[in-house]
Amino acid sequence: MSKYEAVIFDLDGVITDTARYHYLAWKKLADELGIYFDEVINERLKGVSRLESLEIILERSQKQYSQDEKEYLANKKNEYYKEMIKKITPEDLLPGVKEFIEELKKRGIKTAIASVSKNAFTVVENLKIKDKFDYIVDANEIKRGKPDPEIFLNAAEHLRISPEKCIGIEDSAAGITAIKRAGMFAVGVGNPETVKEADLILKDMTEAGKIVELLD
């Protein structure tokens, strides 16, 4: 019997690539504010909260913004993003994800999504995979973003499985740190340099068979 009883997924960059919609929404906002923003800066936003992401973008601004103005801008970006993700369909599942989740279900392994996105439920609904997960963390209940382990510990607690029996999957450095701090086995997906602290690194989810081997 496997020592692992649950797999906890990040959403963006692991299950689907909503990252491009986040980028386009932030780019639209930055362009309106006359602030330079590109894909290199965007890399720093991965795995951090909306307001923290805004702070990173505003580093290049000459203007000082009040907290109320920041809240307004963060919400404005979110409205742009919500409009864009309406286009998401099951076709937007990343290669290998569907088969991997089916394999986990077959083995009786619990599954959860731990995303800091407050739109996670909408994305999961549009992907038509909500019924495949035993639990989806409500980001509104999470007080501390990644790299704090709170979101992964929340998932483990609701699954009623101890952290050391959980595998976490992430594509960001902050996410990998959060998984490790939670005491879980960390799987990194994507850029090997970004997820270098992970216990196992996959180029993408088509290599999820390497995770299945851990379950044998």
C-alpha atoms as a PDB file:
ATOM      1  CA  MET A   1       0.000   0.000   0.000  1.00  0.00           C
ATOM      2  CA  SER A   2       1.266   3.472  -0.930  1.00  0.00           C
ATOM      3  CA  LYS A   3       2.448   5.796   1.838  1.00  0.00           C
ATOM      4  CA  TYR A   4       0.657   8.592  -0.043  1.00  0.00           C
ATOM      5  CA  GLU A   5      -3.103   8.981   0.210  1.00  0.00           C
ATOM      6  CA  ALA A   6      -3.758  12.366  -1.420  1.00  0.00           C
ATOM      7  CA  VAL A   7      -2.583  14.581  -4.269  1.00  0.00           C
ATOM      8  CA  ILE A   8      -3.100  18.344  -3.951  1.00  0.00           C
ATOM      9  CA  PHE A   9      -2.911  20.354  -7.163  1.00  0.00           C
ATOM     10  CA  ASP A  10      -2.183  23.977  -7.841  1.00  0.00           C
ATOM     11  CA  LEU A  11      -4.493  25.156 -10.643  1.00  0.00           C
ATOM     12  CA  ASP A  12      -2.707  27.700 -12.835  1.00  0.00           C
ATOM     13  CA  GLY A  13       0.127  26.105 -14.795  1.00  0.00           C
ATOM     14  CA  VAL A  14      -0.603  22.590 -13.498  1.00  0.00           C
ATOM     15  CA  ILE A  15      -4.194  21.726 -14.448  1.00  0.00           C
ATOM     16  CA  THR A  16      -4.791  24.483 -16.990  1.00  0.00           C
ATOM     17  CA  ASP A  17      -2.868  27.458 -18.277  1.00  0.00           C
ATOM     18  CA  THR A  18      -4.923  30.367 -16.999  1.00  0.00           C
ATOM     19  CA  ALA A  19      -1.561  32.065 -16.458  1.00  0.00           C
ATOM     20  CA  ARG A  20      -1.808  33.591 -19.922  1.00  0.00           C
ATOM     21  CA  TYR A  21      -5.145  35.192 -19.021  1.00  0.00           C
ATOM     22  CA  HIS A  22      -3.650  36.584 -15.810  1.00  0.00           C
ATOM     23  CA  TYR A  23      -0.786  38.003 -17.855  1.00  0.00           C
ATOM     24  CA  LEU A  24      -3.111  39.598 -20.411  1.00  0.00           C
ATOM     25  CA  ALA A  25      -5.319  41.086 -17.673  1.00  0.00           C
ATOM     26  CA  TRP A  26      -2.328  42.550 -15.800  1.00  0.00           C
ATOM     27  CA  LYS A  27      -0.868  43.814 -19.083  1.00  0.00           C
ATOM     28  CA  LYS A  28      -4.118  45.585 -19.913  1.00  0.00           C
ATOM     29  CA  LEU A  29      -4.144  47.268 -16.493  1.00  0.00           C
ATOM     30  CA  ALA A  30      -0.444  48.204 -16.639  1.00  0.00           C
ATOM     31  CA  ASP A  31      -0.883  49.691 -20.133  1.00  0.00           C
ATOM     32  CA  GLU A  32      -3.776  51.812 -18.862  1.00  0.00           C
ATOM     33  CA  LEU A  33      -1.591  53.068 -15.996  1.00  0.00           C
ATOM     34  CA  GLY A  34       1.332  53.715 -18.349  1.00  0.00           C
ATOM     35  CA  ILE A  35       3.547  51.225 -16.471  1.00  0.00           C
ATOM     36  CA  TYR A  36       5.987  48.953 -18.279  1.00  0.00           C
ATOM     37  CA  PHE A  37       5.083  45.275 -17.865  1.00  0.00           C
ATOM     38  CA  ASP A  38       6.388  42.211 -19.688  1.00  0.00           C
ATOM     39  CA  GLU A  39       6.579  38.418 -19.351  1.00  0.00           C
ATOM     40  CA  VAL A  40       9.789  38.577 -17.312  1.00  0.00           C
ATOM     41  CA  ILE A  41       8.117  40.741 -14.643  1.00  0.00           C
ATOM     42  CA  ASN A  42       5.067  38.472 -14.918  1.00  0.00           C
ATOM     43  CA  GLU A  43       7.180  35.490 -13.752  1.00  0.00           C
ATOM     44  CA  ARG A  44       7.465  37.196 -10.352  1.00  0.00           C
ATOM     45  CA  LEU A  45       3.678  37.178  -9.981  1.00  0.00           C
ATOM     46  CA  LYS A  46       3.344  33.393 -10.084  1.00  0.00           C
ATOM     47  CA  GLY A  47       1.964  31.933  -6.875  1.00  0.00           C
ATOM     48  CA  VAL A  48       1.481  35.283  -5.113  1.00  0.00           C
ATOM     49  CA  SER A  49      -1.791  36.999  -4.234  1.00  0.00           C
ATOM     50  CA  ARG A  50      -3.550  39.604  -6.363  1.00  0.00           C
ATOM     51  CA  LEU A  51      -2.588  42.553  -4.147  1.00  0.00           C
ATOM     52  CA  GLU A  52       1.023  41.367  -3.868  1.00  0.00           C
ATOM     53  CA  SER A  53       1.106  41.048  -7.670  1.00  0.00           C
ATOM     54  CA  LEU A  54      -0.167  44.611  -8.008  1.00  0.00           C
ATOM     55  CA  GLU A  55       2.572  45.836  -5.641  1.00  0.00           C
ATOM     56  CA  ILE A  56       5.195  44.250  -7.922  1.00  0.00           C
ATOM     57  CA  ILE A  57       3.710  46.011 -10.971  1.00  0.00           C
ATOM     58  CA  LEU A  58       3.502  49.357  -9.151  1.00  0.00           C
ATOM     59  CA  GLU A  59       7.224  49.224  -8.305  1.00  0.00           C
ATOM     60  CA  ARG A  60       7.791  50.870 -11.699  1.00  0.00           C
ATOM     61  CA  SER A  61       5.224  53.596 -11.146  1.00  0.00           C
ATOM     62  CA  GLN A  62       6.209  57.147 -10.193  1.00  0.00           C
ATOM     63  CA  LYS A  63       2.850  57.617  -8.495  1.00  0.00           C
ATOM     64  CA  GLN A  64       1.974  56.641  -4.917  1.00  0.00           C
ATOM     65  CA  TYR A  65      -1.323  54.795  -4.587  1.00  0.00           C
ATOM     66  CA  SER A  66      -3.541  54.673  -1.488  1.00  0.00           C
ATOM     67  CA  GLN A  67      -4.787  51.327  -0.176  1.00  0.00           C
ATOM     68  CA  ASP A  68      -8.264  52.100  -1.543  1.00  0.00           C
ATOM     69  CA  GLU A  69      -6.814  52.822  -4.987  1.00  0.00           C
ATOM     70  CA  LYS A  70      -4.841  49.566  -4.870  1.00  0.00           C
ATOM     71  CA  GLU A  71      -7.980  47.614  -3.974  1.00  0.00           C
ATOM     72  CA  TYR A  72      -9.781  49.279  -6.869  1.00  0.00           C
ATOM     73  CA  LEU A  73      -6.987  48.448  -9.345  1.00  0.00           C
ATOM     74  CA  ALA A  74      -6.715  44.832  -8.141  1.00  0.00           C
ATOM     75  CA  ASN A  75     -10.479  44.419  -8.583  1.00  0.00           C
ATOM     76  CA  LYS A  76     -10.331  46.023 -12.014  1.00  0.00           C
ATOM     77  CA  LYS A  77      -7.699  43.521 -13.106  1.00  0.00           C
ATOM     78  CA  ASN A  78      -9.878  40.737 -11.732  1.00  0.00           C
ATOM     79  CA  GLU A  79     -12.852  41.922 -13.797  1.00  0.00           C
ATOM     80  CA  TYR A  80     -10.689  41.798 -16.936  1.00  0.00           C
ATOM     81  CA  TYR A  81      -9.534  38.301 -15.971  1.00  0.00           C
ATOM     82  CA  LYS A  82     -13.069  37.030 -15.248  1.00  0.00           C
ATOM     83  CA  GLU A  83     -14.184  38.229 -18.675  1.00  0.00           C
ATOM     84  CA  MET A  84     -11.272  36.361 -20.302  1.00  0.00           C
ATOM     85  CA  ILE A  85     -11.775  33.037 -18.448  1.00  0.00           C
ATOM     86  CA  LYS A  86     -15.349  32.773 -19.700  1.00  0.00           C
ATOM     87  CA  LYS A  87     -13.715  31.352 -22.828  1.00  0.00           C
ATOM     88  CA  ILE A  88     -12.204  28.379 -20.945  1.00  0.00           C
ATOM     89  CA  THR A  89     -13.524  24.918 -21.924  1.00  0.00           C
ATOM     90  CA  PRO A  90     -12.498  21.302 -21.142  1.00  0.00           C
ATOM     91  CA  GLU A  91     -10.167  21.640 -24.151  1.00  0.00           C
ATOM     92  CA  ASP A  92      -8.015  23.890 -21.959  1.00  0.00           C
ATOM     93  CA  LEU A  93      -7.007  21.055 -19.614  1.00  0.00           C
ATOM     94  CA  LEU A  94      -3.235  20.650 -19.942  1.00  0.00           C
ATOM     95  CA  PRO A  95      -2.009  17.431 -21.618  1.00  0.00           C
ATOM     96  CA  GLY A  96      -1.802  14.466 -19.239  1.00  0.00           C
ATOM     97  CA  VAL A  97      -4.004  15.979 -16.513  1.00  0.00           C
ATOM     98  CA  LYS A  98      -7.273  14.173 -17.294  1.00  0.00           C
ATOM     99  CA  GLU A  99      -5.609  10.753 -17.492  1.00  0.00           C
ATOM    100  CA  PHE A 100      -3.639  11.358 -14.282  1.00  0.00           C
ATOM    101  CA  ILE A 101      -6.731  12.380 -12.292  1.00  0.00           C
ATOM    102  CA  GLU A 102      -8.589   9.299 -13.587  1.00  0.00           C
ATOM    103  CA  GLU A 103      -5.682   7.097 -12.473  1.00  0.00           C
ATOM    104  CA  LEU A 104      -5.776   8.655  -8.983  1.00  0.00           C
ATOM    105  CA  LYS A 105      -9.541   8.085  -8.716  1.00  0.00           C
ATOM    106  CA  LYS A 106      -9.074   4.455  -9.791  1.00  0.00           C
ATOM    107  CA  ARG A 107      -6.553   3.978  -6.983  1.00  0.00           C
ATOM    108  CA  GLY A 108      -8.761   5.636  -4.362  1.00  0.00           C
ATOM    109  CA  ILE A 109      -6.329   8.521  -3.891  1.00  0.00           C
ATOM    110  CA  LYS A 110      -7.978  11.711  -2.569  1.00  0.00           C
ATOM    111  CA  THR A 111      -7.626  14.875  -4.649  1.00  0.00           C
ATOM    112  CA  ALA A 112      -7.811  18.597  -3.889  1.00  0.00           C
ATOM    113  CA  ILE A 113      -7.057  21.938  -5.525  1.00  0.00           C
ATOM    114  CA  ALA A 114      -5.040  24.522  -3.582  1.00  0.00           C
ATOM    115  CA  SER A 115      -5.082  27.701  -5.650  1.00  0.00           C
ATOM    116  CA  VAL A 116      -4.731  31.270  -4.388  1.00  0.00           C
ATOM    117  CA  SER A 117      -7.035  32.309  -7.236  1.00  0.00           C
ATOM    118  CA  LYS A 118     -10.390  33.581  -6.018  1.00  0.00           C
ATOM    119  CA  ASN A 119     -11.745  32.495  -9.404  1.00  0.00           C
ATOM    120  CA  ALA A 120     -10.691  28.848  -9.026  1.00  0.00           C
ATOM    121  CA  PHE A 121     -14.284  27.598  -8.756  1.00  0.00           C
ATOM    122  CA  THR A 122     -15.270  29.350 -12.016  1.00  0.00           C
ATOM    123  CA  VAL A 123     -12.261  27.899 -13.851  1.00  0.00           C
ATOM    124  CA  VAL A 124     -12.899  24.379 -12.516  1.00  0.00           C
ATOM    125  CA  GLU A 125     -16.601  24.629 -13.503  1.00  0.00           C
ATOM    126  CA  ASN A 126     -15.661  25.719 -17.035  1.00  0.00           C
ATOM    127  CA  LEU A 127     -13.146  22.859 -17.310  1.00  0.00           C
ATOM    128  CA  LYS A 128     -15.960  20.456 -16.233  1.00  0.00           C
ATOM    129  CA  ILE A 129     -13.783  18.736 -13.627  1.00  0.00           C
ATOM    130  CA  LYS A 130     -15.360  19.880 -10.340  1.00  0.00           C
ATOM    131  CA  ASP A 131     -16.713  16.393  -9.612  1.00  0.00           C
ATOM    132  CA  LYS A 132     -13.205  14.926  -9.932  1.00  0.00           C
ATOM    133  CA  PHE A 133     -11.995  16.634  -6.748  1.00  0.00           C
ATOM    134  CA  ASP A 134     -12.771  15.755  -3.147  1.00  0.00           C
ATOM    135  CA  TYR A 135     -12.054  19.312  -2.032  1.00  0.00           C
ATOM    136  CA  ILE A 136     -11.290  22.737  -3.511  1.00  0.00           C
ATOM    137  CA  VAL A 137      -9.772  25.321  -1.175  1.00  0.00           C
ATOM    138  CA  ASP A 138     -11.745  28.555  -0.994  1.00  0.00           C
ATOM    139  CA  ALA A 139      -9.027  31.214  -1.406  1.00  0.00           C
ATOM    140  CA  ASN A 140     -11.231  33.703   0.459  1.00  0.00           C
ATOM    141  CA  GLU A 141     -10.637  31.682   3.634  1.00  0.00           C
ATOM    142  CA  ILE A 142      -6.844  31.769   3.268  1.00  0.00           C
ATOM    143  CA  LYS A 143      -5.145  34.549   5.219  1.00  0.00           C
ATOM    144  CA  ARG A 144      -1.553  33.980   4.112  1.00  0.00           C
ATOM    145  CA  GLY A 145      -0.504  33.356   0.523  1.00  0.00           C
ATOM    146  CA  LYS A 146       2.238  31.045  -0.719  1.00  0.00           C
ATOM    147  CA  PRO A 147       5.066  30.468   0.267  1.00  0.00           C
ATOM    148  CA  ASP A 148       3.144  30.138   3.557  1.00  0.00           C
ATOM    149  CA  PRO A 149       1.924  26.514   3.858  1.00  0.00           C
ATOM    150  CA  GLU A 150      -1.585  27.499   5.048  1.00  0.00           C
ATOM    151  CA  ILE A 151      -3.382  26.682   1.772  1.00  0.00           C
ATOM    152  CA  PHE A 152      -1.886  23.166   1.549  1.00  0.00           C
ATOM    153  CA  LEU A 153      -2.503  22.464   5.234  1.00  0.00           C
ATOM    154  CA  ASN A 154      -6.103  23.610   4.741  1.00  0.00           C
ATOM    155  CA  ALA A 155      -6.522  21.075   1.914  1.00  0.00           C
ATOM    156  CA  ALA A 156      -4.987  18.230   3.944  1.00  0.00           C
ATOM    157  CA  GLU A 157      -7.172  19.060   6.936  1.00  0.00           C
ATOM    158  CA  HIS A 158     -10.376  18.984   4.868  1.00  0.00           C
ATOM    159  CA  LEU A 159      -9.310  15.732   3.214  1.00  0.00           C
ATOM    160  CA  ARG A 160      -8.616  14.381   6.734  1.00  0.00           C
ATOM    161  CA  ILE A 161      -5.183  13.156   5.648  1.00  0.00           C
ATOM    162  CA  SER A 162      -1.941  14.007   7.446  1.00  0.00           C
ATOM    163  CA  PRO A 163       0.437  16.254   5.443  1.00  0.00           C
ATOM    164  CA  GLU A 164       3.228  13.662   5.223  1.00  0.00           C
ATOM    165  CA  LYS A 165       0.819  11.408   3.307  1.00  0.00           C
ATOM    166  CA  CYS A 166       0.131  14.136   0.728  1.00  0.00           C
ATOM    167  CA  ILE A 167       1.814  14.994  -2.572  1.00  0.00           C
ATOM    168  CA  GLY A 168       1.600  18.626  -3.687  1.00  0.00           C
ATOM    169  CA  ILE A 169       2.030  19.717  -7.324  1.00  0.00           C
ATOM    170  CA  GLU A 170       3.126  23.247  -8.219  1.00  0.00           C
ATOM    171  CA  ASP A 171       4.732  25.241 -11.026  1.00  0.00           C
ATOM    172  CA  SER A 172       6.007  28.189  -8.946  1.00  0.00           C
ATOM    173  CA  ALA A 173       8.922  28.551  -6.529  1.00  0.00           C
ATOM    174  CA  ALA A 174       6.589  30.026  -3.876  1.00  0.00           C
ATOM    175  CA  GLY A 175       4.271  27.045  -4.297  1.00  0.00           C
ATOM    176  CA  ILE A 176       7.056  24.490  -3.919  1.00  0.00           C
ATOM    177  CA  THR A 177       8.224  26.241  -0.734  1.00  0.00           C
ATOM    178  CA  ALA A 178       4.642  26.159   0.596  1.00  0.00           C
ATOM    179  CA  ILE A 179       4.365  22.397  -0.058  1.00  0.00           C
ATOM    180  CA  LYS A 180       7.707  21.691   1.637  1.00  0.00           C
ATOM    181  CA  ARG A 181       6.809  23.850   4.639  1.00  0.00           C
ATOM    182  CA  ALA A 182       3.552  21.917   4.938  1.00  0.00           C
ATOM    183  CA  GLY A 183       5.621  18.728   5.294  1.00  0.00           C
ATOM    184  CA  MET A 184       4.427  17.231   2.000  1.00  0.00           C
ATOM    185  CA  PHE A 185       6.230  15.628  -0.952  1.00  0.00           C
ATOM    186  CA  ALA A 186       6.729  18.385  -3.559  1.00  0.00           C
ATOM    187  CA  VAL A 187       6.369  17.843  -7.296  1.00  0.00           C
ATOM    188  CA  GLY A 188       7.471  20.727  -9.517  1.00  0.00           C
ATOM    189  CA  VAL A 189       6.134  21.150 -13.040  1.00  0.00           C
ATOM    190  CA  GLY A 190       7.706  23.261 -15.769  1.00  0.00           C
ATOM    191  CA  ASN A 191      10.904  25.303 -15.659  1.00  0.00           C
ATOM    192  CA  PRO A 192      13.466  23.186 -13.701  1.00  0.00           C
ATOM    193  CA  GLU A 193      15.187  26.326 -12.419  1.00  0.00           C
ATOM    194  CA  THR A 194      11.931  27.751 -11.034  1.00  0.00           C
ATOM    195  CA  VAL A 195      10.959  24.528  -9.216  1.00  0.00           C
ATOM    196  CA  LYS A 196      14.478  23.355  -8.346  1.00  0.00           C
ATOM    197  CA  GLU A 197      13.607  22.849  -4.650  1.00  0.00           C
ATOM    198  CA  ALA A 198      11.004  20.186  -5.539  1.00  0.00           C
ATOM    199  CA  ASP A 199      11.481  16.520  -4.598  1.00  0.00           C
ATOM    200  CA  LEU A 200      10.477  15.489  -8.130  1.00  0.00           C
ATOM    201  CA  ILE A 201      10.536  17.645 -11.279  1.00  0.00           C
ATOM    202  CA  LEU A 202       8.367  17.030 -14.363  1.00  0.00           C
ATOM    203  CA  LYS A 203       8.624  18.929 -17.636  1.00  0.00           C
ATOM    204  CA  ASP A 204       4.814  18.842 -17.811  1.00  0.00           C
ATOM    205  CA  MET A 205       1.887  16.700 -16.693  1.00  0.00           C
ATOM    206  CA  THR A 206       2.422  14.161 -19.481  1.00  0.00           C
ATOM    207  CA  GLU A 207       5.173  12.859 -17.164  1.00  0.00           C
ATOM    208  CA  ALA A 208       2.703  12.317 -14.292  1.00  0.00           C
ATOM    209  CA  GLY A 209       3.407   8.577 -14.551  1.00  0.00           C
ATOM    210  CA  LYS A 210       6.457   9.339 -12.363  1.00  0.00           C
ATOM    211  CA  ILE A 211       4.040  10.388  -9.605  1.00  0.00           C
ATOM    212  CA  VAL A 212       1.991   7.223 -10.132  1.00  0.00           C
ATOM    213  CA  GLU A 213       5.184   5.211  -9.485  1.00  0.00           C
ATOM    214  CA  LEU A 214       5.327   6.777  -6.003  1.00  0.00           C
ATOM    215  CA  LEU A 215       1.855   5.394  -5.334  1.00  0.00           C
ATOM    216  CA  ASP A 216       2.796   1.775  -6.039  1.00  0.00           C
END
